[in-house]
Amino acid sequence: YLGQNHGRVIEISQTEIVVREIVSDGIGGW
């Protein structure tokens, strides 16, 4: 896990780190 939005590292390459974050959808869901 990484960051403030429950980010989970899903891929690391030579050029980037890809993270999947869980964020509010603004209407009570995620």
Full PDB file with SEQRES, HELIX, SHEET, SSBOND, CRYST1, ORIGX, SCALE, CONECT and MASTER records, all heavy atoms in Angstrom:
SEQRES   1 A   30  TYR LEU GLY GLN ASN HIS GLY ARG VAL ILE GLU ILE SER          
SEQRES   2 A   30  GLN THR GLU ILE VAL VAL ARG GLU ILE VAL SER ASP GLY          
SEQRES   3 A   30  ILE GLY GLY TRP                                              
SHEET    1 AA1 2 ARG A   8  ILE A  12  0                                        
SHEET    2 AA1 2 ILE A  17  ARG A  20 -1                                        
CRYST1    1.000    1.000    1.000  90.00  90.00  90.00 P 1           1          
ORIGX1      1.000000  0.000000  0.000000        0.00000                         
ORIGX2      0.000000  1.000000  0.000000        0.00000                         
ORIGX3      0.000000  0.000000  1.000000        0.00000                         
SCALE1      1.000000  0.000000  0.000000        0.00000                         
SCALE2      0.000000  1.000000  0.000000        0.00000                         
SCALE3      0.000000  0.000000  1.000000        0.00000                         
ATOM      1  N   TYR A   1       0.838  -1.200   0.000  1.00  0.00           N  
ATOM      2  CA  TYR A   1       0.000   0.000   0.000  1.00  0.00           C  
ATOM      3  C   TYR A   1       0.870   1.245   0.000  1.00  0.00           C  
ATOM      4  O   TYR A   1       1.959   1.256   0.559  1.00  0.00           O  
ATOM      5  CB  TYR A   1      -0.936  -0.008   1.202  1.00  0.00           C  
ATOM      6  CG  TYR A   1      -2.020  -1.037   1.060  1.00  0.00           C  
ATOM      7  CD1 TYR A   1      -1.868  -2.322   1.558  1.00  0.00           C  
ATOM      8  CD2 TYR A   1      -3.186  -0.735   0.374  1.00  0.00           C  
ATOM      9  CE1 TYR A   1      -2.853  -3.281   1.400  1.00  0.00           C  
ATOM     10  CE2 TYR A   1      -4.185  -1.685   0.208  1.00  0.00           C  
ATOM     11  CZ  TYR A   1      -3.998  -2.951   0.721  1.00  0.00           C  
ATOM     12  OH  TYR A   1      -4.984  -3.893   0.550  1.00  0.00           O  
ATOM     13  N   LEU A   2       0.325   2.293  -0.652  1.00  0.00           N  
ATOM     14  CA  LEU A   2       1.087   3.515  -0.838  1.00  0.00           C  
ATOM     15  C   LEU A   2       0.134   4.696  -0.935  1.00  0.00           C  
ATOM     16  O   LEU A   2      -0.886   4.624  -1.628  1.00  0.00           O  
ATOM     17  CB  LEU A   2       1.892   3.393  -2.149  1.00  0.00           C  
ATOM     18  CG  LEU A   2       2.642   4.594  -2.656  1.00  0.00           C  
ATOM     19  CD1 LEU A   2       3.833   4.879  -1.739  1.00  0.00           C  
ATOM     20  CD2 LEU A   2       3.160   4.317  -4.063  1.00  0.00           C  
ATOM     21  N   GLY A   3       0.414   5.780  -0.239  1.00  0.00           N  
ATOM     22  CA  GLY A   3      -0.357   7.001  -0.387  1.00  0.00           C  
ATOM     23  C   GLY A   3      -1.522   7.124   0.569  1.00  0.00           C  
ATOM     24  O   GLY A   3      -1.720   6.308   1.457  1.00  0.00           O  
ATOM     25  N   GLN A   4      -2.320   8.161   0.340  1.00  0.00           N  
ATOM     26  CA  GLN A   4      -3.394   8.522   1.263  1.00  0.00           C  
ATOM     27  C   GLN A   4      -4.742   7.919   0.898  1.00  0.00           C  
ATOM     28  O   GLN A   4      -5.648   7.903   1.705  1.00  0.00           O  
ATOM     29  CB  GLN A   4      -3.534  10.042   1.306  1.00  0.00           C  
ATOM     30  CG  GLN A   4      -2.292  10.730   1.804  1.00  0.00           C  
ATOM     31  CD  GLN A   4      -2.414  12.238   1.758  1.00  0.00           C  
ATOM     32  OE1 GLN A   4      -3.419  12.790   1.343  1.00  0.00           O  
ATOM     33  NE2 GLN A   4      -1.377  12.911   2.193  1.00  0.00           N  
ATOM     34  N   ASN A   5      -4.909   7.434  -0.332  1.00  0.00           N  
ATOM     35  CA  ASN A   5      -6.204   6.922  -0.780  1.00  0.00           C  
ATOM     36  C   ASN A   5      -6.222   5.401  -0.889  1.00  0.00           C  
ATOM     37  O   ASN A   5      -6.763   4.849  -1.839  1.00  0.00           O  
ATOM     38  CB  ASN A   5      -6.584   7.556  -2.129  1.00  0.00           C  
ATOM     39  CG  ASN A   5      -6.832   9.040  -2.014  1.00  0.00           C  
ATOM     40  OD1 ASN A   5      -7.446   9.486  -1.065  1.00  0.00           O  
ATOM     41  ND2 ASN A   5      -6.325   9.800  -2.947  1.00  0.00           N  
ATOM     42  N   HIS A   6      -5.637   4.727   0.088  1.00  0.00           N  
ATOM     43  CA  HIS A   6      -5.603   3.267   0.101  1.00  0.00           C  
ATOM     44  C   HIS A   6      -5.027   2.723  -1.199  1.00  0.00           C  
ATOM     45  O   HIS A   6      -5.507   1.726  -1.739  1.00  0.00           O  
ATOM     46  CB  HIS A   6      -6.991   2.677   0.371  1.00  0.00           C  
ATOM     47  CG  HIS A   6      -7.627   3.228   1.599  1.00  0.00           C  
ATOM     48  ND1 HIS A   6      -7.235   2.858   2.858  1.00  0.00           N  
ATOM     49  CD2 HIS A   6      -8.607   4.158   1.763  1.00  0.00           C  
ATOM     50  CE1 HIS A   6      -7.950   3.509   3.747  1.00  0.00           C  
ATOM     51  NE2 HIS A   6      -8.789   4.303   3.106  1.00  0.00           N  
ATOM     52  N   GLY A   7      -4.012   3.410  -1.734  1.00  0.00           N  
ATOM     53  CA  GLY A   7      -3.391   2.999  -2.984  1.00  0.00           C  
ATOM     54  C   GLY A   7      -2.615   1.709  -2.827  1.00  0.00           C  
ATOM     55  O   GLY A   7      -1.908   1.516  -1.842  1.00  0.00           O  
ATOM     56  N   ARG A   8      -2.754   0.824  -3.786  1.00  0.00           N  
ATOM     57  CA  ARG A   8      -2.026  -0.441  -3.773  1.00  0.00           C  
ATOM     58  C   ARG A   8      -1.190  -0.528  -5.043  1.00  0.00           C  
ATOM     59  O   ARG A   8      -1.703  -0.307  -6.142  1.00  0.00           O  
ATOM     60  CB  ARG A   8      -2.986  -1.615  -3.699  1.00  0.00           C  
ATOM     61  CG  ARG A   8      -2.287  -2.912  -3.445  1.00  0.00           C  
ATOM     62  CD  ARG A   8      -3.268  -3.973  -3.072  1.00  0.00           C  
ATOM     63  NE  ARG A   8      -2.543  -5.070  -2.477  1.00  0.00           N  
ATOM     64  CZ  ARG A   8      -3.088  -6.019  -1.787  1.00  0.00           C  
ATOM     65  NH1 ARG A   8      -4.382  -6.031  -1.580  1.00  0.00           N  
ATOM     66  NH2 ARG A   8      -2.360  -6.975  -1.290  1.00  0.00           N  
ATOM     67  N   VAL A   9       0.089  -0.824  -4.906  1.00  0.00           N  
ATOM     68  CA  VAL A   9       0.990  -0.920  -6.049  1.00  0.00           C  
ATOM     69  C   VAL A   9       0.585  -2.134  -6.877  1.00  0.00           C  
ATOM     70  O   VAL A   9       0.540  -3.250  -6.367  1.00  0.00           O  
ATOM     71  CB  VAL A   9       2.461  -1.036  -5.601  1.00  0.00           C  
ATOM     72  CG1 VAL A   9       3.385  -1.206  -6.792  1.00  0.00           C  
ATOM     73  CG2 VAL A   9       2.861   0.166  -4.760  1.00  0.00           C  
ATOM     74  N   ILE A  10       0.270  -1.900  -8.155  1.00  0.00           N  
ATOM     75  CA  ILE A  10      -0.124  -3.013  -9.009  1.00  0.00           C  
ATOM     76  C   ILE A  10       0.901  -3.299 -10.092  1.00  0.00           C  
ATOM     77  O   ILE A  10       0.877  -4.368 -10.696  1.00  0.00           O  
ATOM     78  CB  ILE A  10      -1.526  -2.814  -9.630  1.00  0.00           C  
ATOM     79  CG1 ILE A  10      -1.613  -1.536 -10.430  1.00  0.00           C  
ATOM     80  CG2 ILE A  10      -2.595  -2.847  -8.562  1.00  0.00           C  
ATOM     81  CD1 ILE A  10      -2.917  -1.385 -11.196  1.00  0.00           C  
ATOM     82  N   GLU A  11       1.826  -2.357 -10.324  1.00  0.00           N  
ATOM     83  CA  GLU A  11       2.872  -2.599 -11.324  1.00  0.00           C  
ATOM     84  C   GLU A  11       4.036  -1.635 -11.110  1.00  0.00           C  
ATOM     85  O   GLU A  11       3.829  -0.474 -10.769  1.00  0.00           O  
ATOM     86  CB  GLU A  11       2.309  -2.393 -12.728  1.00  0.00           C  
ATOM     87  CG  GLU A  11       3.286  -2.673 -13.839  1.00  0.00           C  
ATOM     88  CD  GLU A  11       2.696  -2.437 -15.210  1.00  0.00           C  
ATOM     89  OE1 GLU A  11       1.454  -2.425 -15.340  1.00  0.00           O  
ATOM     90  OE2 GLU A  11       3.473  -2.253 -16.142  1.00  0.00           O  
ATOM     91  N   ILE A  12       5.245  -2.136 -11.294  1.00  0.00           N  
ATOM     92  CA  ILE A  12       6.438  -1.304 -11.255  1.00  0.00           C  
ATOM     93  C   ILE A  12       7.214  -1.588 -12.534  1.00  0.00           C  
ATOM     94  O   ILE A  12       7.510  -2.740 -12.843  1.00  0.00           O  
ATOM     95  CB  ILE A  12       7.329  -1.622 -10.034  1.00  0.00           C  
ATOM     96  CG1 ILE A  12       6.559  -1.384  -8.733  1.00  0.00           C  
ATOM     97  CG2 ILE A  12       8.608  -0.784 -10.078  1.00  0.00           C  
ATOM     98  CD1 ILE A  12       7.298  -1.831  -7.481  1.00  0.00           C  
ATOM     99  N   SER A  13       7.499  -0.528 -13.292  1.00  0.00           N  
ATOM    100  CA  SER A  13       8.283  -0.681 -14.515  1.00  0.00           C  
ATOM    101  C   SER A  13       9.477   0.276 -14.456  1.00  0.00           C  
ATOM    102  O   SER A  13       9.655   0.993 -13.475  1.00  0.00           O  
ATOM    103  CB  SER A  13       7.420  -0.385 -15.752  1.00  0.00           C  
ATOM    104  OG  SER A  13       7.168   1.001 -15.858  1.00  0.00           O  
ATOM    105  N   GLN A  14      10.249   0.313 -15.517  1.00  0.00           N  
ATOM    106  CA  GLN A  14      11.394   1.219 -15.593  1.00  0.00           C  
ATOM    107  C   GLN A  14      10.969   2.683 -15.607  1.00  0.00           C  
ATOM    108  O   GLN A  14      11.737   3.561 -15.235  1.00  0.00           O  
ATOM    109  CB  GLN A  14      12.207   0.930 -16.856  1.00  0.00           C  
ATOM    110  CG  GLN A  14      12.894  -0.410 -16.855  1.00  0.00           C  
ATOM    111  CD  GLN A  14      14.084  -0.436 -15.906  1.00  0.00           C  
ATOM    112  OE1 GLN A  14      14.708   0.588 -15.632  1.00  0.00           O  
ATOM    113  NE2 GLN A  14      14.406  -1.608 -15.401  1.00  0.00           N  
ATOM    114  N   THR A  15       9.727   2.959 -16.036  1.00  0.00           N  
ATOM    115  CA  THR A  15       9.293   4.343 -16.216  1.00  0.00           C  
ATOM    116  C   THR A  15       8.247   4.829 -15.225  1.00  0.00           C  
ATOM    117  O   THR A  15       8.064   6.034 -15.075  1.00  0.00           O  
ATOM    118  CB  THR A  15       8.726   4.541 -17.639  1.00  0.00           C  
ATOM    119  OG1 THR A  15       7.632   3.640 -17.828  1.00  0.00           O  
ATOM    120  CG2 THR A  15       9.791   4.286 -18.696  1.00  0.00           C  
ATOM    121  N   GLU A  16       7.526   3.896 -14.557  1.00  0.00           N  
ATOM    122  CA  GLU A  16       6.456   4.338 -13.661  1.00  0.00           C  
ATOM    123  C   GLU A  16       6.078   3.275 -12.638  1.00  0.00           C  
ATOM    124  O   GLU A  16       6.403   2.105 -12.791  1.00  0.00           O  
ATOM    125  CB  GLU A  16       5.222   4.743 -14.450  1.00  0.00           C  
ATOM    126  CG  GLU A  16       4.552   3.595 -15.166  1.00  0.00           C  
ATOM    127  CD  GLU A  16       3.378   4.021 -16.030  1.00  0.00           C  
ATOM    128  OE1 GLU A  16       3.093   5.230 -16.137  1.00  0.00           O  
ATOM    129  OE2 GLU A  16       2.747   3.135 -16.614  1.00  0.00           O  
ATOM    130  N   ILE A  17       5.386   3.753 -11.617  1.00  0.00           N  
ATOM    131  CA  ILE A  17       4.763   2.885 -10.621  1.00  0.00           C  
ATOM    132  C   ILE A  17       3.263   3.090 -10.782  1.00  0.00           C  
ATOM    133  O   ILE A  17       2.775   4.223 -10.703  1.00  0.00           O  
ATOM    134  CB  ILE A  17       5.184   3.255  -9.189  1.00  0.00           C  
ATOM    135  CG1 ILE A  17       6.706   3.134  -9.039  1.00  0.00           C  
ATOM    136  CG2 ILE A  17       4.465   2.380  -8.162  1.00  0.00           C  
ATOM    137  CD1 ILE A  17       7.221   3.724  -7.754  1.00  0.00           C  
ATOM    138  N   VAL A  18       2.521   2.014 -11.033  1.00  0.00           N  
ATOM    139  CA  VAL A  18       1.076   2.112 -11.202  1.00  0.00           C  
ATOM    140  C   VAL A  18       0.413   1.688  -9.897  1.00  0.00           C  
ATOM    141  O   VAL A  18       0.732   0.633  -9.335  1.00  0.00           O  
ATOM    142  CB  VAL A  18       0.584   1.228 -12.368  1.00  0.00           C  
ATOM    143  CG1 VAL A  18      -0.923   1.348 -12.524  1.00  0.00           C  
ATOM    144  CG2 VAL A  18       1.285   1.619 -13.670  1.00  0.00           C  
ATOM    145  N   VAL A  19      -0.491   2.531  -9.418  1.00  0.00           N  
ATOM    146  CA  VAL A  19      -1.175   2.328  -8.142  1.00  0.00           C  
ATOM    147  C   VAL A  19      -2.679   2.336  -8.404  1.00  0.00           C  
ATOM    148  O   VAL A  19      -3.163   3.115  -9.218  1.00  0.00           O  
ATOM    149  CB  VAL A  19      -0.814   3.468  -7.159  1.00  0.00           C  
ATOM    150  CG1 VAL A  19      -1.538   3.313  -5.840  1.00  0.00           C  
ATOM    151  CG2 VAL A  19       0.683   3.525  -6.937  1.00  0.00           C  
ATOM    152  N   ARG A  20      -3.423   1.473  -7.731  1.00  0.00           N  
ATOM    153  CA  ARG A  20      -4.885   1.511  -7.784  1.00  0.00           C  
ATOM    154  C   ARG A  20      -5.364   2.114  -6.474  1.00  0.00           C  
ATOM    155  O   ARG A  20      -5.136   1.567  -5.401  1.00  0.00           O  
ATOM    156  CB  ARG A  20      -5.470   0.119  -7.963  1.00  0.00           C  
ATOM    157  CG  ARG A  20      -6.997   0.146  -8.058  1.00  0.00           C  
ATOM    158  CD  ARG A  20      -7.616  -1.204  -8.306  1.00  0.00           C  
ATOM    159  NE  ARG A  20      -7.185  -1.721  -9.596  1.00  0.00           N  
ATOM    160  CZ  ARG A  20      -6.598  -2.909  -9.782  1.00  0.00           C  
ATOM    161  NH1 ARG A  20      -6.376  -3.697  -8.766  1.00  0.00           N  
ATOM    162  NH2 ARG A  20      -6.245  -3.311 -10.974  1.00  0.00           N  
ATOM    163  N   GLU A  21      -6.030   3.283  -6.576  1.00  0.00           N  
ATOM    164  CA  GLU A  21      -6.531   3.988  -5.410  1.00  0.00           C  
ATOM    165  C   GLU A  21      -8.021   3.745  -5.240  1.00  0.00           C  
ATOM    166  O   GLU A  21      -8.739   3.550  -6.219  1.00  0.00           O  
ATOM    167  CB  GLU A  21      -6.319   5.494  -5.556  1.00  0.00           C  
ATOM    168  CG  GLU A  21      -4.875   5.899  -5.653  1.00  0.00           C  
ATOM    169  CD  GLU A  21      -4.714   7.395  -5.826  1.00  0.00           C  
ATOM    170  OE1 GLU A  21      -5.432   7.985  -6.666  1.00  0.00           O  
ATOM    171  OE2 GLU A  21      -3.895   7.963  -5.120  1.00  0.00           O  
ATOM    172  N   ILE A  22      -8.483   3.784  -3.998  1.00  0.00           N  
ATOM    173  CA  ILE A  22      -9.908   3.685  -3.687  1.00  0.00           C  
ATOM    174  C   ILE A  22     -10.346   5.074  -3.248  1.00  0.00           C  
ATOM    175  O   ILE A  22      -9.857   5.603  -2.252  1.00  0.00           O  
ATOM    176  CB  ILE A  22     -10.180   2.658  -2.567  1.00  0.00           C  
ATOM    177  CG1 ILE A  22      -9.578   1.301  -2.912  1.00  0.00           C  
ATOM    178  CG2 ILE A  22     -11.672   2.572  -2.280  1.00  0.00           C  
ATOM    179  CD1 ILE A  22     -10.143   0.653  -4.160  1.00  0.00           C  
ATOM    180  N   VAL A  23     -11.266   5.675  -4.024  1.00  0.00           N  
ATOM    181  CA  VAL A  23     -11.703   7.043  -3.743  1.00  0.00           C  
ATOM    182  C   VAL A  23     -13.222   7.124  -3.718  1.00  0.00           C  
ATOM    183  O   VAL A  23     -13.914   6.303  -4.325  1.00  0.00           O  
ATOM    184  CB  VAL A  23     -11.134   8.036  -4.782  1.00  0.00           C  
ATOM    185  CG1 VAL A  23      -9.627   8.124  -4.694  1.00  0.00           C  
ATOM    186  CG2 VAL A  23     -11.553   7.666  -6.180  1.00  0.00           C  
ATOM    187  N   SER A  24     -13.721   8.143  -3.047  1.00  0.00           N  
ATOM    188  CA  SER A  24     -15.167   8.367  -2.980  1.00  0.00           C  
ATOM    189  C   SER A  24     -15.681   8.771  -4.356  1.00  0.00           C  
ATOM    190  O   SER A  24     -15.041   9.535  -5.076  1.00  0.00           O  
ATOM    191  CB  SER A  24     -15.458   9.476  -1.974  1.00  0.00           C  
ATOM    192  OG  SER A  24     -16.811   9.851  -2.040  1.00  0.00           O  
ATOM    193  N   ASP A  25     -16.879   8.281  -4.703  1.00  0.00           N  
ATOM    194  CA  ASP A  25     -17.481   8.662  -5.985  1.00  0.00           C  
ATOM    195  C   ASP A  25     -18.340   9.919  -5.848  1.00  0.00           C  
ATOM    196  O   ASP A  25     -18.959  10.370  -6.800  1.00  0.00           O  
ATOM    197  CB  ASP A  25     -18.288   7.515  -6.586  1.00  0.00           C  
ATOM    198  CG  ASP A  25     -19.511   7.140  -5.774  1.00  0.00           C  
ATOM    199  OD1 ASP A  25     -19.807   7.794  -4.752  1.00  0.00           O  
ATOM    200  OD2 ASP A  25     -20.179   6.161  -6.159  1.00  0.00           O  
ATOM    201  N   GLY A  26     -18.413  10.470  -4.637  1.00  0.00           N  
ATOM    202  CA  GLY A  26     -19.153  11.699  -4.411  1.00  0.00           C  
ATOM    203  C   GLY A  26     -20.630  11.511  -4.114  1.00  0.00           C  
ATOM    204  O   GLY A  26     -21.322  12.466  -3.783  1.00  0.00           O  
ATOM    205  N   ILE A  27     -21.130  10.278  -4.240  1.00  0.00           N  
ATOM    206  CA  ILE A  27     -22.550  10.021  -3.965  1.00  0.00           C  
ATOM    207  C   ILE A  27     -22.726   8.877  -2.967  1.00  0.00           C  
ATOM    208  O   ILE A  27     -23.693   8.140  -3.020  1.00  0.00           O  
ATOM    209  CB  ILE A  27     -23.327   9.740  -5.270  1.00  0.00           C  
ATOM    210  CG1 ILE A  27     -22.700   8.596  -6.064  1.00  0.00           C  
ATOM    211  CG2 ILE A  27     -23.426  10.983  -6.129  1.00  0.00           C  
ATOM    212  CD1 ILE A  27     -23.504   8.148  -7.272  1.00  0.00           C  
ATOM    213  N   GLY A  28     -21.724   8.722  -2.103  1.00  0.00           N  
ATOM    214  CA  GLY A  28     -21.823   7.733  -1.039  1.00  0.00           C  
ATOM    215  C   GLY A  28     -21.185   6.387  -1.337  1.00  0.00           C  
ATOM    216  O   GLY A  28     -21.211   5.496  -0.507  1.00  0.00           O  
ATOM    217  N   GLY A  29     -20.598   6.223  -2.487  1.00  0.00           N  
ATOM    218  CA  GLY A  29     -19.947   4.962  -2.833  1.00  0.00           C  
ATOM    219  C   GLY A  29     -18.453   5.141  -3.021  1.00  0.00           C  
ATOM    220  O   GLY A  29     -17.895   6.207  -2.754  1.00  0.00           O  
ATOM    221  N   TRP A  30     -17.821   4.095  -3.466  1.00  0.00           N  
ATOM    222  CA  TRP A  30     -16.374   4.092  -3.669  1.00  0.00           C  
ATOM    223  C   TRP A  30     -16.059   3.522  -5.043  1.00  0.00           C  
ATOM    224  O   TRP A  30     -16.799   2.706  -5.567  1.00  0.00           O  
ATOM    225  CB  TRP A  30     -15.696   3.248  -2.602  1.00  0.00           C  
ATOM    226  CG  TRP A  30     -15.954   3.765  -1.221  1.00  0.00           C  
ATOM    227  CD1 TRP A  30     -16.945   3.376  -0.377  1.00  0.00           C  
ATOM    228  CD2 TRP A  30     -15.241   4.790  -0.552  1.00  0.00           C  
ATOM    229  NE1 TRP A  30     -16.902   4.102   0.788  1.00  0.00           N  
ATOM    230  CE2 TRP A  30     -15.849   4.971   0.712  1.00  0.00           C  
ATOM    231  CE3 TRP A  30     -14.145   5.577  -0.867  1.00  0.00           C  
ATOM    232  CZ2 TRP A  30     -15.396   5.904   1.636  1.00  0.00           C  
ATOM    233  CZ3 TRP A  30     -13.684   6.498   0.059  1.00  0.00           C  
ATOM    234  CH2 TRP A  30     -14.309   6.659   1.295  1.00  0.00           C  
TER     235      TRP A  30                                                      
MASTER        0    0    0    0    2    0    0    6  234    1    0    3          
END                                                                             
